Amino acid sequence: MTAADKEQAIAEIRTKLKSLLVEQLSLEDVAPEDIEDEAPLFNEGLGLDSLDAVEIVVILQRHFGVEVKDMEMGRKIFQSVATLADYIYENTGEKS
């Protein structure tokens, strides 16, 4: 897989993630295209909370077949859409 293929795959994951976050977390007044890749998901960013984090775990399992078992790891990957997409890419067959 080329670097361009990897970037394309990650971009597609990011797009899907943004749609799923808006839809599954019922984010009112937020469109998927309004979410910046590097914007924080929690606190000053999208303002998500711990219940939303649980929902994100479900989204990752249901839509990408990826599990987050270690909450310390979860803190790192739940920082932004970009960090989530990278984690999904690295932990699925997307990169074959």
N, C-alpha and C. Protein backbone atom coordinates (compact mmCIF):
# COMPACT_ATOMS: atom_id res chain seq x y z
N MET A 1 0.85 -1.19 0.00
CA MET A 1 0.00 0.00 0.00
C MET A 1 0.89 1.24 0.00
N THR A 2 0.57 2.17 -0.85
CA THR A 2 1.36 3.40 -0.94
C THR A 2 0.93 4.38 0.15
N ALA A 3 1.75 5.40 0.32
CA ALA A 3 1.42 6.44 1.30
C ALA A 3 0.12 7.13 0.91
N ALA A 4 -0.08 7.32 -0.39
CA ALA A 4 -1.32 7.96 -0.86
C ALA A 4 -2.53 7.08 -0.55
N ASP A 5 -2.38 5.77 -0.71
CA ASP A 5 -3.47 4.85 -0.38
C ASP A 5 -3.79 4.91 1.11
N LYS A 6 -2.74 4.97 1.93
CA LYS A 6 -2.93 5.05 3.38
C LYS A 6 -3.68 6.34 3.73
N GLU A 7 -3.25 7.46 3.18
CA GLU A 7 -3.91 8.74 3.44
C GLU A 7 -5.37 8.70 3.02
N GLN A 8 -5.64 8.09 1.86
CA GLN A 8 -7.02 7.99 1.37
C GLN A 8 -7.87 7.15 2.32
N ALA A 9 -7.31 6.02 2.78
CA ALA A 9 -8.03 5.14 3.70
C ALA A 9 -8.34 5.86 5.00
N ILE A 10 -7.35 6.58 5.54
CA ILE A 10 -7.56 7.30 6.80
C ILE A 10 -8.57 8.43 6.60
N ALA A 11 -8.51 9.11 5.47
CA ALA A 11 -9.48 10.19 5.19
C ALA A 11 -10.90 9.63 5.14
N GLU A 12 -11.07 8.45 4.55
CA GLU A 12 -12.40 7.83 4.49
C GLU A 12 -12.88 7.44 5.89
N ILE A 13 -11.98 6.93 6.72
CA ILE A 13 -12.34 6.58 8.10
C ILE A 13 -12.76 7.84 8.85
N ARG A 14 -12.01 8.93 8.68
CA ARG A 14 -12.35 10.18 9.36
C ARG A 14 -13.74 10.67 8.96
N THR A 15 -14.04 10.61 7.68
CA THR A 15 -15.35 11.06 7.19
C THR A 15 -16.46 10.21 7.80
N LYS A 16 -16.27 8.89 7.80
CA LYS A 16 -17.28 7.99 8.37
C LYS A 16 -17.44 8.23 9.87
N LEU A 17 -16.30 8.41 10.55
CA LEU A 17 -16.34 8.66 12.00
C LEU A 17 -17.14 9.91 12.33
N LYS A 18 -16.89 10.98 11.60
CA LYS A 18 -17.59 12.24 11.86
C LYS A 18 -19.09 12.06 11.71
N SER A 19 -19.51 11.37 10.65
CA SER A 19 -20.94 11.12 10.44
C SER A 19 -21.52 10.29 11.58
N LEU A 20 -20.79 9.25 11.97
CA LEU A 20 -21.27 8.39 13.05
C LEU A 20 -21.35 9.14 14.38
N LEU A 21 -20.36 9.99 14.66
CA LEU A 21 -20.39 10.75 15.91
C LEU A 21 -21.60 11.67 15.97
N VAL A 22 -21.86 12.37 14.88
CA VAL A 22 -23.00 13.29 14.85
C VAL A 22 -24.31 12.51 14.99
N GLU A 23 -24.41 11.40 14.26
CA GLU A 23 -25.64 10.61 14.25
C GLU A 23 -25.85 9.86 15.56
N GLN A 24 -24.85 9.13 16.00
CA GLN A 24 -24.99 8.25 17.17
C GLN A 24 -25.01 9.01 18.50
N LEU A 25 -24.32 10.16 18.55
CA LEU A 25 -24.28 10.92 19.79
C LEU A 25 -25.31 12.04 19.80
N SER A 26 -26.13 12.08 18.77
CA SER A 26 -27.19 13.11 18.66
C SER A 26 -26.63 14.51 18.89
N LEU A 27 -25.57 14.83 18.17
CA LEU A 27 -24.96 16.15 18.30
C LEU A 27 -25.79 17.16 17.51
N GLU A 28 -26.53 17.96 18.24
CA GLU A 28 -27.37 18.97 17.61
C GLU A 28 -26.52 20.16 17.21
N ASP A 29 -26.89 20.81 16.15
CA ASP A 29 -26.19 22.00 15.66
C ASP A 29 -24.75 21.72 15.25
N VAL A 30 -24.42 20.45 14.97
CA VAL A 30 -23.09 20.11 14.49
C VAL A 30 -23.25 19.25 13.24
N ALA A 31 -22.60 19.66 12.16
CA ALA A 31 -22.59 18.88 10.93
C ALA A 31 -21.24 18.15 10.87
N PRO A 32 -21.21 16.95 10.28
CA PRO A 32 -19.95 16.21 10.21
C PRO A 32 -18.80 17.06 9.63
N GLU A 33 -19.11 17.83 8.61
CA GLU A 33 -18.05 18.64 7.98
C GLU A 33 -17.57 19.80 8.86
N ASP A 34 -18.31 20.08 9.94
CA ASP A 34 -17.90 21.14 10.88
C ASP A 34 -16.86 20.65 11.89
N ILE A 35 -16.71 19.33 12.00
CA ILE A 35 -15.78 18.77 12.98
C ILE A 35 -14.37 18.75 12.36
N GLU A 36 -13.47 19.44 13.00
CA GLU A 36 -12.09 19.46 12.53
C GLU A 36 -11.38 18.18 12.97
N ASP A 37 -10.51 17.67 12.10
CA ASP A 37 -9.81 16.41 12.38
C ASP A 37 -9.03 16.44 13.69
N GLU A 38 -8.40 17.56 13.98
CA GLU A 38 -7.54 17.66 15.16
C GLU A 38 -8.23 18.29 16.37
N ALA A 39 -9.49 18.69 16.24
CA ALA A 39 -10.20 19.33 17.34
C ALA A 39 -10.42 18.33 18.48
N PRO A 40 -10.24 18.77 19.72
CA PRO A 40 -10.49 17.88 20.86
C PRO A 40 -11.95 17.42 20.88
N LEU A 41 -12.15 16.16 21.22
CA LEU A 41 -13.52 15.63 21.29
C LEU A 41 -14.18 16.00 22.62
N PHE A 42 -13.37 16.12 23.66
CA PHE A 42 -13.90 16.38 24.99
C PHE A 42 -13.58 17.80 25.44
N ASN A 43 -14.25 18.22 26.48
CA ASN A 43 -14.06 19.55 27.07
C ASN A 43 -14.27 20.67 26.05
N GLU A 44 -13.23 21.47 25.80
CA GLU A 44 -13.41 22.67 24.97
C GLU A 44 -13.67 22.36 23.50
N GLY A 45 -13.46 21.14 23.06
CA GLY A 45 -13.69 20.79 21.66
C GLY A 45 -15.18 20.59 21.40
N LEU A 46 -15.55 19.36 21.11
CA LEU A 46 -16.97 19.04 20.86
C LEU A 46 -17.77 19.04 22.16
N GLY A 47 -17.08 19.00 23.29
CA GLY A 47 -17.78 19.02 24.57
C GLY A 47 -18.37 17.68 24.97
N LEU A 48 -17.79 16.59 24.48
CA LEU A 48 -18.30 15.27 24.83
C LEU A 48 -17.96 14.96 26.29
N ASP A 49 -18.70 13.98 26.85
CA ASP A 49 -18.47 13.60 28.24
C ASP A 49 -18.23 12.09 28.34
N SER A 50 -18.16 11.58 29.56
CA SER A 50 -17.82 10.17 29.76
C SER A 50 -18.86 9.23 29.18
N LEU A 51 -20.12 9.62 29.19
CA LEU A 51 -21.16 8.78 28.56
C LEU A 51 -20.94 8.70 27.05
N ASP A 52 -20.52 9.81 26.46
CA ASP A 52 -20.21 9.81 25.03
C ASP A 52 -19.02 8.90 24.74
N ALA A 53 -18.06 8.86 25.66
CA ALA A 53 -16.90 7.98 25.48
C ALA A 53 -17.33 6.53 25.39
N VAL A 54 -18.29 6.15 26.22
CA VAL A 54 -18.82 4.78 26.18
C VAL A 54 -19.48 4.52 24.82
N GLU A 55 -20.22 5.49 24.34
CA GLU A 55 -20.86 5.37 23.02
C GLU A 55 -19.82 5.23 21.91
N ILE A 56 -18.72 5.96 22.04
CA ILE A 56 -17.67 5.87 21.03
C ILE A 56 -17.07 4.47 21.00
N VAL A 57 -16.90 3.87 22.17
CA VAL A 57 -16.41 2.49 22.25
C VAL A 57 -17.35 1.57 21.48
N VAL A 58 -18.66 1.77 21.65
CA VAL A 58 -19.66 0.95 20.95
C VAL A 58 -19.58 1.20 19.44
N ILE A 59 -19.44 2.45 19.05
CA ILE A 59 -19.32 2.80 17.62
C ILE A 59 -18.10 2.09 17.02
N LEU A 60 -16.98 2.13 17.71
CA LEU A 60 -15.76 1.49 17.19
C LEU A 60 -15.95 -0.01 17.02
N GLN A 61 -16.63 -0.63 17.98
CA GLN A 61 -16.86 -2.08 17.90
C GLN A 61 -17.84 -2.41 16.78
N ARG A 62 -18.95 -1.72 16.75
CA ARG A 62 -20.03 -2.02 15.83
C ARG A 62 -19.68 -1.71 14.38
N HIS A 63 -19.05 -0.58 14.13
CA HIS A 63 -18.84 -0.13 12.76
C HIS A 63 -17.45 -0.42 12.21
N PHE A 64 -16.48 -0.66 13.08
CA PHE A 64 -15.12 -0.87 12.61
C PHE A 64 -14.50 -2.18 13.11
N GLY A 65 -15.19 -2.86 14.03
CA GLY A 65 -14.66 -4.12 14.57
C GLY A 65 -13.42 -3.92 15.42
N VAL A 66 -13.30 -2.75 16.05
CA VAL A 66 -12.13 -2.41 16.84
C VAL A 66 -12.55 -2.28 18.31
N GLU A 67 -11.75 -2.86 19.19
CA GLU A 67 -12.05 -2.77 20.61
C GLU A 67 -11.02 -1.91 21.33
N VAL A 68 -11.49 -1.23 22.36
CA VAL A 68 -10.60 -0.46 23.23
C VAL A 68 -10.76 -1.07 24.61
N LYS A 69 -9.76 -1.83 25.04
CA LYS A 69 -9.86 -2.53 26.32
C LYS A 69 -9.17 -1.79 27.44
N ASP A 70 -8.21 -0.96 27.10
CA ASP A 70 -7.39 -0.26 28.08
C ASP A 70 -7.78 1.22 28.10
N MET A 71 -8.31 1.69 29.21
CA MET A 71 -8.77 3.08 29.27
C MET A 71 -7.61 4.08 29.18
N GLU A 72 -6.42 3.65 29.57
CA GLU A 72 -5.26 4.52 29.40
C GLU A 72 -5.01 4.74 27.91
N MET A 73 -5.13 3.67 27.14
CA MET A 73 -5.01 3.77 25.69
C MET A 73 -6.18 4.60 25.15
N GLY A 74 -7.35 4.41 25.73
CA GLY A 74 -8.52 5.16 25.30
C GLY A 74 -8.32 6.66 25.42
N ARG A 75 -7.67 7.09 26.48
CA ARG A 75 -7.41 8.53 26.65
C ARG A 75 -6.58 9.08 25.50
N LYS A 76 -5.64 8.29 25.03
CA LYS A 76 -4.77 8.73 23.93
C LYS A 76 -5.52 8.76 22.60
N ILE A 77 -6.29 7.71 22.34
CA ILE A 77 -6.94 7.64 21.02
C ILE A 77 -8.22 8.45 20.94
N PHE A 78 -8.81 8.81 22.07
CA PHE A 78 -10.06 9.58 22.05
C PHE A 78 -9.82 11.09 22.04
N GLN A 79 -8.62 11.52 21.73
CA GLN A 79 -8.32 12.95 21.75
C GLN A 79 -9.02 13.69 20.62
N SER A 80 -9.05 13.10 19.42
CA SER A 80 -9.62 13.79 18.26
C SER A 80 -10.07 12.77 17.23
N VAL A 81 -10.75 13.23 16.21
CA VAL A 81 -11.14 12.35 15.11
C VAL A 81 -9.87 11.77 14.46
N ALA A 82 -8.84 12.59 14.35
CA ALA A 82 -7.59 12.14 13.73
C ALA A 82 -6.97 10.97 14.50
N THR A 83 -6.92 11.07 15.84
CA THR A 83 -6.32 10.00 16.62
C THR A 83 -7.19 8.74 16.59
N LEU A 84 -8.50 8.91 16.57
CA LEU A 84 -9.40 7.77 16.45
C LEU A 84 -9.22 7.07 15.11
N ALA A 85 -9.16 7.85 14.04
CA ALA A 85 -9.02 7.28 12.69
C ALA A 85 -7.70 6.53 12.55
N ASP A 86 -6.64 7.10 13.10
CA ASP A 86 -5.33 6.42 13.03
C ASP A 86 -5.39 5.09 13.78
N TYR A 87 -6.03 5.08 14.94
CA TYR A 87 -6.16 3.85 15.72
C TYR A 87 -6.96 2.80 14.95
N ILE A 88 -8.07 3.22 14.38
CA ILE A 88 -8.88 2.29 13.59
C ILE A 88 -8.08 1.74 12.42
N TYR A 89 -7.38 2.61 11.72
CA TYR A 89 -6.57 2.18 10.58
C TYR A 89 -5.54 1.14 11.00
N GLU A 90 -4.85 1.40 12.10
CA GLU A 90 -3.78 0.51 12.55
C GLU A 90 -4.32 -0.81 13.11
N ASN A 91 -5.59 -0.87 13.48
CA ASN A 91 -6.14 -2.05 14.13
C ASN A 91 -7.20 -2.78 13.33
N THR A 92 -7.30 -2.47 12.06
CA THR A 92 -8.23 -3.18 11.18
C THR A 92 -7.49 -3.66 9.94
N GLY A 93 -8.18 -4.35 9.11
CA GLY A 93 -7.61 -4.82 7.86
C GLY A 93 -7.55 -3.76 6.79
N GLU A 94 -7.89 -2.52 7.14
CA GLU A 94 -7.94 -1.43 6.16
C GLU A 94 -6.61 -1.23 5.44
N LYS A 95 -5.51 -1.60 6.08
CA LYS A 95 -4.22 -1.26 5.51
C LYS A 95 -3.63 -2.36 4.63
N SER A 96 -4.37 -3.41 4.37
CA SER A 96 -3.81 -4.54 3.63
C SER A 96 -3.48 -4.20 2.20
